[in-house]
Amino acid sequence: MSAILPVKQITLIGVGLIGGSFVLDLKRLGLVEKIIGVDVNPDNLERALERKVIDAASVHLNANSITGSELVLLATPVSTLPQICDTIRPFLSPQAIVSDVGSTKQSAIDAFRRHLPDHLPHCVAAHPIAGSDRSGALAAQFGLYRNKKLIITPHGQENSESIARIETLWQAVGAETHRLSAADHDAVFAAVSHMPHLAAFAYVHEIFDHPDGQTYLQFAASGFRDFTRIASSHPAIWTDICLANKNSLTDLIDGLQNQLQRVRTMLQKEDRAALYSYFDEARQTRDDWLDRQ
């Protein structure tokens, strides 16, 4: 760890679970000297200062909050990246790395290309695979990324040192780094992250919209809680993610509807053997996945 060159200053735009946990670990490891937090919510910034997630706070993207930072980390909803990139462009130091933590990478790279074309060699699109249904500065925690995956999606014009720097910092906080194309990344995470969230939101709505839904909820227990946990995730974040990855999601929605129709047919036919086999295949698939974790 001592071989890693510390970062003198990082600007964290969006002070919450993902970015906040990253900089907390960097601070604990002595790998950053100063964190400037930028957020639209002054109360959230106050909490971040109190918890020492950040060292200085600003509600503005300007020379004071951006210039001089070696890394500018965008940890805001994915739909905000174009405007943020456009705003910070005049204030970036020539060698500053701009990176993000968003769940959709084609949209992030598009924002970099459109709004930071002259800075593109130092723009690195990344996605840490960790999180929870909590948000804001109070959600930031030590050790969030230990043994978790970090995906980098190259756009082809990066400076090799910029990619290496981002990989090294994420590895320092415990992440296992991988590389995927942006298109492959978005297809993968539509399947294993975005669609499960969409399904959880939809099923909670099924209960909410049902005339007896409130009665059902009186008797809901661990099964309902476990299945719907991610429906407590922040709606602004997931609205942006789903719209940014809508093409992959619409295909998966069609697939899920087909699967539910298969189950419906089995139930109508009272086909016990087919239903058992269907459930057993799903159980085995999930158990095999758990064994590999």
Protein backbone atom coordinates (compact mmCIF):
# COMPACT_ATOMS: atom_id res chain seq x y z
CA MET A 1 0.00 0.00 0.00
CA SER A 2 2.93 2.33 0.68
CA ALA A 3 3.89 2.18 -3.02
CA ILE A 4 0.68 3.96 -4.02
CA LEU A 5 1.17 7.69 -4.56
CA PRO A 6 -1.40 9.62 -2.47
CA VAL A 7 -3.82 11.97 -4.18
CA LYS A 8 -3.41 15.51 -2.95
CA GLN A 9 -7.01 16.56 -3.56
CA ILE A 10 -10.22 14.90 -4.71
CA THR A 11 -13.46 16.65 -5.55
CA LEU A 12 -16.40 14.38 -4.82
CA ILE A 13 -19.53 15.55 -6.64
CA GLY A 14 -22.50 13.93 -4.92
CA VAL A 15 -21.72 12.99 -1.32
CA GLY A 16 -23.49 9.73 -0.59
CA LEU A 17 -22.99 6.02 -0.03
CA ILE A 18 -20.90 5.21 -3.11
CA GLY A 19 -18.53 8.17 -3.35
CA GLY A 20 -18.50 8.76 0.40
CA SER A 21 -17.48 5.17 1.19
CA PHE A 22 -14.71 5.34 -1.40
CA VAL A 23 -13.13 8.49 0.01
CA LEU A 24 -13.54 7.30 3.62
CA ASP A 25 -11.37 4.30 2.86
CA LEU A 26 -8.84 6.40 0.95
CA LYS A 27 -8.59 8.74 3.93
CA ARG A 28 -8.17 5.85 6.36
CA LEU A 29 -5.37 4.46 4.18
CA GLY A 30 -3.65 7.84 3.95
CA LEU A 31 -4.13 7.92 0.18
CA VAL A 32 -5.75 11.34 -0.07
CA GLU A 33 -4.86 14.59 1.63
CA LYS A 34 -8.05 16.59 1.08
CA ILE A 35 -11.61 15.86 -0.02
CA ILE A 36 -13.84 18.64 -1.30
CA GLY A 37 -17.48 17.58 -1.29
CA VAL A 38 -19.96 19.20 -3.67
CA ASP A 39 -23.67 18.56 -3.23
CA VAL A 40 -26.94 20.38 -3.87
CA ASN A 41 -28.10 19.58 -0.32
CA PRO A 42 -26.42 21.79 2.35
CA ASP A 43 -27.71 19.58 5.17
CA ASN A 44 -26.13 16.54 3.57
CA LEU A 45 -22.84 18.39 3.30
CA GLU A 46 -23.06 19.31 6.98
CA ARG A 47 -23.50 15.64 7.88
CA ALA A 48 -20.54 14.74 5.67
CA LEU A 49 -18.34 17.31 7.42
CA GLU A 50 -19.45 16.10 10.85
CA ARG A 51 -18.58 12.51 9.97
CA LYS A 52 -15.30 13.60 8.35
CA VAL A 53 -16.27 12.06 5.04
CA ILE A 54 -15.11 15.33 3.46
CA ASP A 55 -12.79 18.13 4.56
CA ALA A 56 -14.44 21.06 2.78
CA ALA A 57 -17.89 21.59 1.31
CA SER A 58 -19.50 23.56 -1.50
CA VAL A 59 -22.88 23.74 -3.17
CA HIS A 60 -21.24 25.18 -6.29
CA LEU A 61 -19.23 23.74 -9.15
CA ASN A 62 -16.62 26.44 -9.66
CA ALA A 63 -12.90 27.10 -9.61
CA ASN A 64 -12.80 26.89 -5.81
CA SER A 65 -14.29 23.40 -5.72
CA ILE A 66 -12.76 21.92 -8.90
CA THR A 67 -9.42 23.52 -9.83
CA GLY A 68 -6.44 21.81 -8.24
CA SER A 69 -8.12 18.45 -7.74
CA GLU A 70 -6.24 15.50 -9.20
CA LEU A 71 -9.44 13.45 -9.32
CA VAL A 72 -12.98 14.68 -9.86
CA LEU A 73 -15.38 11.85 -9.01
CA LEU A 74 -18.94 12.12 -10.30
CA ALA A 75 -21.22 10.25 -7.89
CA THR A 76 -24.57 11.72 -8.90
CA PRO A 77 -27.56 10.28 -10.80
CA VAL A 78 -26.52 9.30 -14.32
CA SER A 79 -28.81 11.84 -15.98
CA THR A 80 -26.83 14.70 -14.37
CA LEU A 81 -23.50 13.81 -15.99
CA PRO A 82 -23.89 15.88 -19.19
CA GLN A 83 -24.66 19.09 -17.30
CA ILE A 84 -21.97 18.47 -14.69
CA CYS A 85 -19.31 17.71 -17.31
CA ASP A 86 -20.23 20.86 -19.21
CA THR A 87 -20.07 22.95 -16.02
CA ILE A 88 -16.73 21.67 -14.72
CA ARG A 89 -14.90 21.83 -18.09
CA PRO A 90 -13.41 25.34 -17.64
CA PHE A 91 -12.17 24.59 -14.12
CA LEU A 92 -10.41 21.26 -14.62
CA SER A 93 -6.67 21.13 -14.10
CA PRO A 94 -4.95 19.84 -17.27
CA GLN A 95 -4.06 16.41 -15.86
CA ALA A 96 -7.11 15.95 -13.61
CA ILE A 97 -8.81 12.58 -13.94
CA VAL A 98 -12.59 12.67 -14.28
CA SER A 99 -14.31 9.45 -13.35
CA ASP A 100 -17.80 8.33 -12.40
CA VAL A 101 -19.52 5.53 -10.47
CA GLY A 102 -22.73 5.22 -12.46
CA SER A 103 -24.64 2.04 -13.29
CA THR A 104 -24.91 2.78 -17.02
CA LYS A 105 -21.69 3.28 -18.94
CA GLN A 106 -22.76 4.08 -22.51
CA SER A 107 -24.48 7.21 -21.21
CA ALA A 108 -21.43 8.18 -19.12
CA ILE A 109 -19.05 7.83 -22.05
CA ASP A 110 -21.43 9.79 -24.25
CA ALA A 111 -21.39 12.62 -21.67
CA PHE A 112 -17.58 12.59 -21.61
CA ARG A 113 -17.34 12.66 -25.41
CA ARG A 114 -19.88 15.43 -25.86
CA HIS A 115 -18.95 17.74 -23.01
CA LEU A 116 -15.29 17.03 -22.24
CA PRO A 117 -13.86 16.29 -25.70
CA ASP A 118 -10.51 17.96 -25.04
CA HIS A 119 -10.19 16.20 -21.70
CA LEU A 120 -11.24 12.77 -22.94
CA PRO A 121 -7.84 11.06 -22.37
CA HIS A 122 -8.32 11.67 -18.65
CA CYS A 123 -11.98 10.55 -18.48
CA VAL A 124 -12.39 7.05 -17.05
CA ALA A 125 -15.83 5.44 -16.87
CA ALA A 126 -16.14 3.10 -13.88
CA HIS A 127 -18.80 1.27 -11.89
CA PRO A 128 -18.28 -0.17 -8.38
CA ILE A 129 -20.56 -3.15 -7.77
CA ALA A 130 -21.68 -2.41 -4.24
CA GLY A 131 -24.45 -0.51 -2.55
CA SER A 132 -27.52 -0.62 -0.37
CA ASP A 133 -30.97 0.90 -0.19
CA ARG A 134 -29.56 3.74 1.96
CA SER A 135 -28.40 7.05 0.53
CA GLY A 136 -26.77 10.31 1.57
CA ALA A 137 -23.63 11.08 3.54
CA LEU A 138 -24.82 9.18 6.60
CA ALA A 139 -24.84 5.99 4.53
CA ALA A 140 -21.09 6.19 3.80
CA GLN A 141 -19.17 3.38 5.46
CA PHE A 142 -15.71 1.89 5.75
CA GLY A 143 -14.97 -1.34 3.92
CA LEU A 144 -17.89 -1.20 1.49
CA TYR A 145 -15.72 -2.27 -1.45
CA ARG A 146 -13.72 -5.05 0.16
CA ASN A 147 -13.87 -8.07 -2.18
CA LYS A 148 -16.38 -6.30 -4.45
CA LYS A 149 -16.03 -5.84 -8.20
CA LEU A 150 -15.15 -2.58 -9.94
CA ILE A 151 -15.84 -2.41 -13.67
CA ILE A 152 -13.95 -0.05 -15.98
CA THR A 153 -15.44 0.44 -19.45
CA PRO A 154 -12.76 1.94 -21.73
CA HIS A 155 -13.83 4.29 -24.50
CA GLY A 156 -10.56 3.81 -26.39
CA GLN A 157 -9.01 7.25 -25.99
CA GLU A 158 -7.94 7.06 -22.34
CA ASN A 159 -4.45 7.89 -21.20
CA SER A 160 -3.08 4.57 -19.89
CA GLU A 161 -1.81 6.28 -16.74
CA SER A 162 -5.30 7.62 -15.97
CA ILE A 163 -6.87 4.16 -16.19
CA ALA A 164 -4.05 2.68 -14.10
CA ARG A 165 -4.50 5.39 -11.46
CA ILE A 166 -8.22 4.71 -11.11
CA GLU A 167 -7.67 0.94 -10.99
CA THR A 168 -4.98 1.31 -8.33
CA LEU A 169 -7.15 3.49 -6.08
CA TRP A 170 -10.11 1.11 -6.28
CA GLN A 171 -7.85 -1.87 -5.65
CA ALA A 172 -6.46 -0.07 -2.60
CA VAL A 173 -9.93 0.04 -1.02
CA GLY A 174 -10.37 -3.69 -1.63
CA ALA A 175 -12.10 -3.85 -5.01
CA GLU A 176 -11.39 -6.47 -7.66
CA THR A 177 -11.07 -4.59 -10.96
CA HIS A 178 -12.40 -5.79 -14.32
CA ARG A 179 -12.88 -4.33 -17.78
CA LEU A 180 -15.91 -4.62 -20.07
CA SER A 181 -17.10 -2.76 -23.10
CA ALA A 182 -19.77 -0.20 -22.26
CA ALA A 183 -22.39 -2.09 -24.29
CA ASP A 184 -21.60 -5.40 -22.58
CA HIS A 185 -21.61 -3.72 -19.18
CA ASP A 186 -25.04 -2.22 -19.71
CA ALA A 187 -26.50 -5.52 -20.92
CA VAL A 188 -25.04 -7.43 -17.98
CA PHE A 189 -26.22 -5.01 -15.32
CA ALA A 190 -29.64 -4.62 -16.85
CA ALA A 191 -29.99 -8.37 -16.25
CA VAL A 192 -28.48 -8.72 -12.77
CA SER A 193 -29.22 -5.33 -11.17
CA HIS A 194 -31.56 -3.03 -13.03
CA MET A 195 -34.23 -5.62 -13.85
CA PRO A 196 -34.37 -7.00 -10.28
CA HIS A 197 -34.96 -3.46 -9.02
CA LEU A 198 -37.64 -2.93 -11.63
CA ALA A 199 -39.32 -6.21 -10.67
CA ALA A 200 -39.25 -5.29 -6.97
CA PHE A 201 -40.76 -1.87 -7.65
CA ALA A 202 -43.42 -3.45 -9.85
CA TYR A 203 -44.41 -6.09 -7.32
CA VAL A 204 -44.71 -3.55 -4.50
CA HIS A 205 -47.01 -1.62 -6.85
CA GLU A 206 -49.02 -4.79 -7.42
CA ILE A 207 -49.72 -4.84 -3.67
CA PHE A 208 -50.19 -1.07 -3.42
CA ASP A 209 -52.70 -1.00 -6.28
CA HIS A 210 -54.66 -4.03 -5.09
CA PRO A 211 -57.91 -3.18 -3.23
CA ASP A 212 -56.86 -5.51 -0.39
CA GLY A 213 -53.20 -4.50 -0.48
CA GLN A 214 -53.13 -2.90 2.96
CA THR A 215 -54.59 -6.05 4.49
CA TYR A 216 -51.94 -8.13 2.72
CA LEU A 217 -49.20 -5.92 4.12
CA GLN A 218 -50.42 -6.49 7.69
CA PHE A 219 -49.37 -10.12 7.32
CA ALA A 220 -46.23 -9.64 5.19
CA ALA A 221 -43.07 -11.05 6.77
CA SER A 222 -39.55 -12.14 5.80
CA GLY A 223 -40.33 -13.42 2.31
CA PHE A 224 -41.93 -10.14 1.26
CA ARG A 225 -39.22 -8.14 3.02
CA ASP A 226 -36.37 -10.04 1.34
CA PHE A 227 -37.90 -9.94 -2.14
CA THR A 228 -38.81 -6.25 -2.00
CA ARG A 229 -35.80 -4.84 -0.07
CA ILE A 230 -34.38 -3.04 -3.10
CA ALA A 231 -37.70 -1.31 -3.73
CA SER A 232 -36.59 1.00 -0.89
CA SER A 233 -33.84 2.34 -3.17
CA HIS A 234 -33.84 6.02 -4.09
CA PRO A 235 -36.38 6.69 -6.88
CA ALA A 236 -34.33 9.49 -8.49
CA ILE A 237 -31.34 7.19 -8.95
CA TRP A 238 -33.39 4.33 -10.37
CA THR A 239 -35.51 6.50 -12.64
CA ASP A 240 -32.30 7.71 -14.28
CA ILE A 241 -30.74 4.25 -14.51
CA CYS A 242 -33.81 2.64 -16.04
CA LEU A 243 -34.27 5.36 -18.63
CA ALA A 244 -30.58 5.29 -19.54
CA ASN A 245 -30.71 1.51 -20.03
CA LYS A 246 -34.23 1.26 -21.43
CA ASN A 247 -33.38 -0.85 -24.50
CA SER A 248 -31.84 -3.68 -22.48
CA LEU A 249 -34.64 -3.46 -19.92
CA THR A 250 -37.50 -3.64 -22.39
CA ASP A 251 -36.06 -6.90 -23.76
CA LEU A 252 -35.78 -8.30 -20.24
CA ILE A 253 -39.34 -7.23 -19.40
CA ASP A 254 -40.54 -9.21 -22.41
CA GLY A 255 -38.54 -12.19 -21.18
CA LEU A 256 -39.94 -11.96 -17.64
CA GLN A 257 -43.48 -11.73 -18.98
CA ASN A 258 -42.84 -14.91 -20.96
CA GLN A 259 -41.52 -16.66 -17.84
CA LEU A 260 -44.57 -15.63 -15.81
CA GLN A 261 -46.82 -16.85 -18.61
CA ARG A 262 -45.06 -20.23 -18.46
CA VAL A 263 -45.73 -20.43 -14.72
CA ARG A 264 -49.33 -19.35 -15.26
CA THR A 265 -49.83 -22.15 -17.78
CA MET A 266 -48.34 -24.72 -15.40
CA LEU A 267 -50.66 -23.57 -12.64
CA GLN A 268 -53.73 -23.66 -14.87
CA LYS A 269 -52.85 -27.20 -15.99
CA GLU A 270 -51.98 -28.20 -12.41
CA ASP A 271 -48.77 -29.63 -13.87
CA ARG A 272 -46.99 -30.54 -10.64
CA ALA A 273 -43.99 -32.19 -12.31
CA ALA A 274 -43.33 -29.24 -14.61
CA LEU A 275 -43.70 -26.73 -11.79
CA TYR A 276 -41.37 -28.73 -9.53
CA SER A 277 -38.76 -28.97 -12.29
CA TYR A 278 -39.05 -25.25 -13.03
CA PHE A 279 -38.56 -24.30 -9.37
CA ASP A 280 -35.72 -26.81 -8.94
CA GLU A 281 -33.83 -25.41 -11.94
CA ALA A 282 -34.15 -21.88 -10.54
CA ARG A 283 -33.06 -23.02 -7.06
CA GLN A 284 -30.03 -24.85 -8.46
CA THR A 285 -29.04 -21.89 -10.62
CA ARG A 286 -29.12 -19.56 -7.62
CA ASP A 287 -27.33 -22.04 -5.33
CA ASP A 288 -24.56 -22.53 -7.90
CA TRP A 289 -24.17 -18.77 -8.11
CA LEU A 290 -23.98 -18.48 -4.31
CA ASP A 291 -21.32 -21.18 -4.18
CA ARG A 292 -19.15 -19.10 -6.50
CA GLN A 293 -19.35 -15.98 -4.38
